[in-house]
Each structure stands twice: as structure tokens, then as C-alpha cells.
Amino acid sequence: QVQLVESGGGLVQTGGSLRLACTASGDIFSITTMGWYRQAPGKQRELVVTMTSCGSTNYGDSVKGRSSVSRDNAKNTVYLKMNSVKPEDTGVYYCSAKDVILNGDYYGIDYWGKGTLVTVSS
């Protein structure tokens, strides 16, 4: 099994920055894709950003230009920094991992963390 634990959520003022981190644990050999999704109250979960182990990124339209993602593959950790946050960035941010080699076997499914709440005050 893969466990994903997010950290760094909380209250952020409009115009400020948020930083999140997520670490995967388990008998992991590699994780191809790690990233972040978010879900605002009453809305569907949406892509924030994903990043492959080779460094390819895919940003959601609503965060392009003010977000950056990074990974430490040796630590199975992914980071998110978002600048110029807005009230509409409020939501639960979920870490994801996909295409994992675990205990010598390949798993193409999505793994999810429990999420961390980010609230942007206006």
C-alpha cells in the first residue's frame, strides 16, 4: 500500500502564498506521477498540477502562472507553491500518486491523500 500525507494547509490571506508538501510512504521503488488536486465546497475535484519523475508538468488553467511544483524523487515528496492566492483557491487540496512500482509490482491506479484544507481569507 501507498500512504500519502499532506502538510502545510491552513489560513492564507488574499494575495499571499501557500506552500504544501506531500510525502508518500510504503515499499516504493518509484512513482511516475505525483501531483495536487483540489476540491472547493460544492464543486468537483479539479487538477492543480501534476509532475512526472522526469520533470514534465501539467498545470490546471486556474493556477497557471502563479503556481510551481517540485519533487524530491529520493524522498517520494512533492511540493506545491502558489502565489497571489485568491478566495477561489479555497478548498481541500489532495495529493495524488500514479503509476507506482510497489513491492516489485506495478500499479497504474491513483492513490490519494486525505487532503489538507486551505482557506483564503478575503
Protein backbone atom coordinates (compact mmCIF):
# COMPACT_ATOMS: atom_id res chain seq x y z
CA GLN A 1 0.00 0.00 0.00
CA VAL A 2 0.97 3.61 -0.57
CA GLN A 3 0.20 6.23 2.04
CA LEU A 4 0.22 9.89 1.09
CA VAL A 5 0.38 12.51 3.82
CA GLU A 6 -0.12 16.19 3.05
CA SER A 7 1.06 19.09 5.16
CA GLY A 8 1.04 22.86 5.02
CA GLY A 9 -2.61 23.77 4.76
CA GLY A 10 -4.31 26.43 6.79
CA LEU A 11 -5.43 30.02 6.57
CA VAL A 12 -3.82 32.28 3.99
CA GLN A 13 -4.60 35.92 3.23
CA THR A 14 -5.61 37.01 -0.24
CA GLY A 15 -2.52 37.90 -2.20
CA GLY A 16 -0.29 35.74 -0.06
CA SER A 17 1.37 32.43 -0.77
CA LEU A 18 0.69 28.87 0.19
CA ARG A 19 3.11 26.01 0.41
CA LEU A 20 2.12 22.39 0.58
CA ALA A 21 4.12 19.21 0.84
CA CYS A 22 3.19 15.58 0.40
CA THR A 23 5.24 12.51 1.19
CA ALA A 24 4.48 9.01 0.01
CA SER A 25 5.43 6.06 2.16
CA GLY A 26 5.41 2.31 1.63
CA ASP A 27 7.73 -0.17 -0.03
CA ILE A 28 8.02 2.16 -3.01
CA PHE A 29 10.58 1.73 -5.76
CA SER A 30 9.34 4.59 -7.92
CA ILE A 31 6.38 6.86 -8.59
CA THR A 32 5.93 8.15 -12.10
CA THR A 33 3.41 10.92 -11.46
CA MET A 34 2.72 12.91 -8.32
CA GLY A 35 0.64 15.99 -8.00
CA TRP A 36 -2.12 18.02 -6.49
CA TYR A 37 -5.84 18.31 -6.99
CA ARG A 38 -8.32 20.44 -5.08
CA GLN A 39 -11.99 20.46 -4.29
CA ALA A 40 -13.90 23.57 -3.36
CA PRO A 41 -17.17 23.32 -1.43
CA GLY A 42 -19.95 22.21 -3.75
CA LYS A 43 -17.62 21.69 -6.70
CA GLN A 44 -15.90 18.80 -8.39
CA ARG A 45 -12.31 17.92 -7.76
CA GLU A 46 -10.04 19.71 -10.22
CA LEU A 47 -6.45 19.50 -11.32
CA VAL A 48 -3.95 21.85 -9.75
CA VAL A 49 -0.75 20.33 -11.12
CA THR A 50 0.96 17.03 -11.77
CA MET A 51 4.62 16.29 -12.29
CA THR A 52 6.33 13.20 -13.62
CA SER A 53 9.57 11.81 -12.29
CA CYS A 54 11.26 13.18 -15.41
CA GLY A 55 10.04 16.69 -14.66
CA SER A 56 7.13 17.08 -17.07
CA THR A 57 4.35 19.19 -15.61
CA ASN A 58 0.68 19.75 -16.29
CA TYR A 59 -0.96 22.76 -14.64
CA GLY A 60 -4.63 23.46 -14.30
CA ASP A 61 -5.77 26.59 -16.10
CA SER A 62 -6.82 28.36 -12.93
CA VAL A 63 -3.36 28.22 -11.36
CA LYS A 64 -1.07 28.65 -14.37
CA GLY A 65 1.46 31.41 -13.95
CA ARG A 66 1.21 31.63 -10.18
CA SER A 67 2.00 28.08 -9.08
CA SER A 68 5.08 25.93 -9.13
CA VAL A 69 5.56 22.27 -8.38
CA SER A 70 8.70 20.40 -7.46
CA ARG A 71 9.64 16.89 -6.44
CA ASP A 72 12.27 15.11 -4.45
CA ASN A 73 12.16 11.67 -6.03
CA ALA A 74 14.55 10.22 -3.47
CA LYS A 75 12.15 11.23 -0.70
CA ASN A 76 8.96 10.49 -2.66
CA THR A 77 7.85 14.01 -1.87
CA VAL A 78 6.06 16.60 -3.98
CA TYR A 79 5.75 20.27 -3.18
CA LEU A 80 3.37 22.98 -4.28
CA LYS A 81 3.86 26.71 -4.03
CA MET A 82 1.10 29.06 -5.08
CA ASN A 83 1.45 32.83 -5.14
CA SER A 84 -1.14 35.58 -5.31
CA VAL A 85 -3.80 33.36 -3.81
CA LYS A 86 -7.46 34.29 -4.15
CA PRO A 87 -10.57 33.34 -2.19
CA GLU A 88 -11.48 30.96 -5.02
CA ASP A 89 -8.34 28.96 -4.21
CA THR A 90 -10.06 27.85 -1.03
CA GLY A 91 -10.63 24.13 -0.83
CA VAL A 92 -9.27 20.79 0.23
CA TYR A 93 -6.01 20.04 -1.53
CA TYR A 94 -5.35 16.39 -2.25
CA CYS A 95 -2.04 14.80 -3.07
CA SER A 96 -2.04 12.11 -5.72
CA ALA A 97 0.35 9.45 -6.93
CA LYS A 98 0.01 7.27 -10.00
CA ASP A 99 1.99 4.60 -11.81
CA VAL A 100 3.78 3.25 -8.78
CA ILE A 101 6.23 0.38 -8.52
CA LEU A 102 5.49 -1.07 -5.11
CA ASN A 103 6.88 -4.27 -3.62
CA GLY A 104 8.24 -5.10 -7.06
CA ASP A 105 4.84 -4.81 -8.76
CA TYR A 106 3.46 -2.06 -10.99
CA TYR A 107 0.22 -0.29 -10.04
CA GLY A 108 -1.40 2.04 -12.52
CA ILE A 109 -4.10 3.22 -10.16
CA ASP A 110 -4.45 6.58 -8.46
CA TYR A 111 -3.50 6.87 -4.83
CA TRP A 112 -4.87 9.78 -2.79
CA GLY A 113 -4.02 11.51 0.42
CA LYS A 114 -6.70 12.51 2.90
CA GLY A 115 -6.36 16.14 1.94
CA THR A 116 -5.40 19.35 3.63
CA LEU A 117 -7.73 22.34 3.92
CA VAL A 118 -6.62 25.68 2.56
CA THR A 119 -8.75 28.70 3.35
CA VAL A 120 -8.01 32.01 1.67
CA SER A 121 -9.42 34.95 3.56
CA SER A 122 -10.65 37.98 1.66
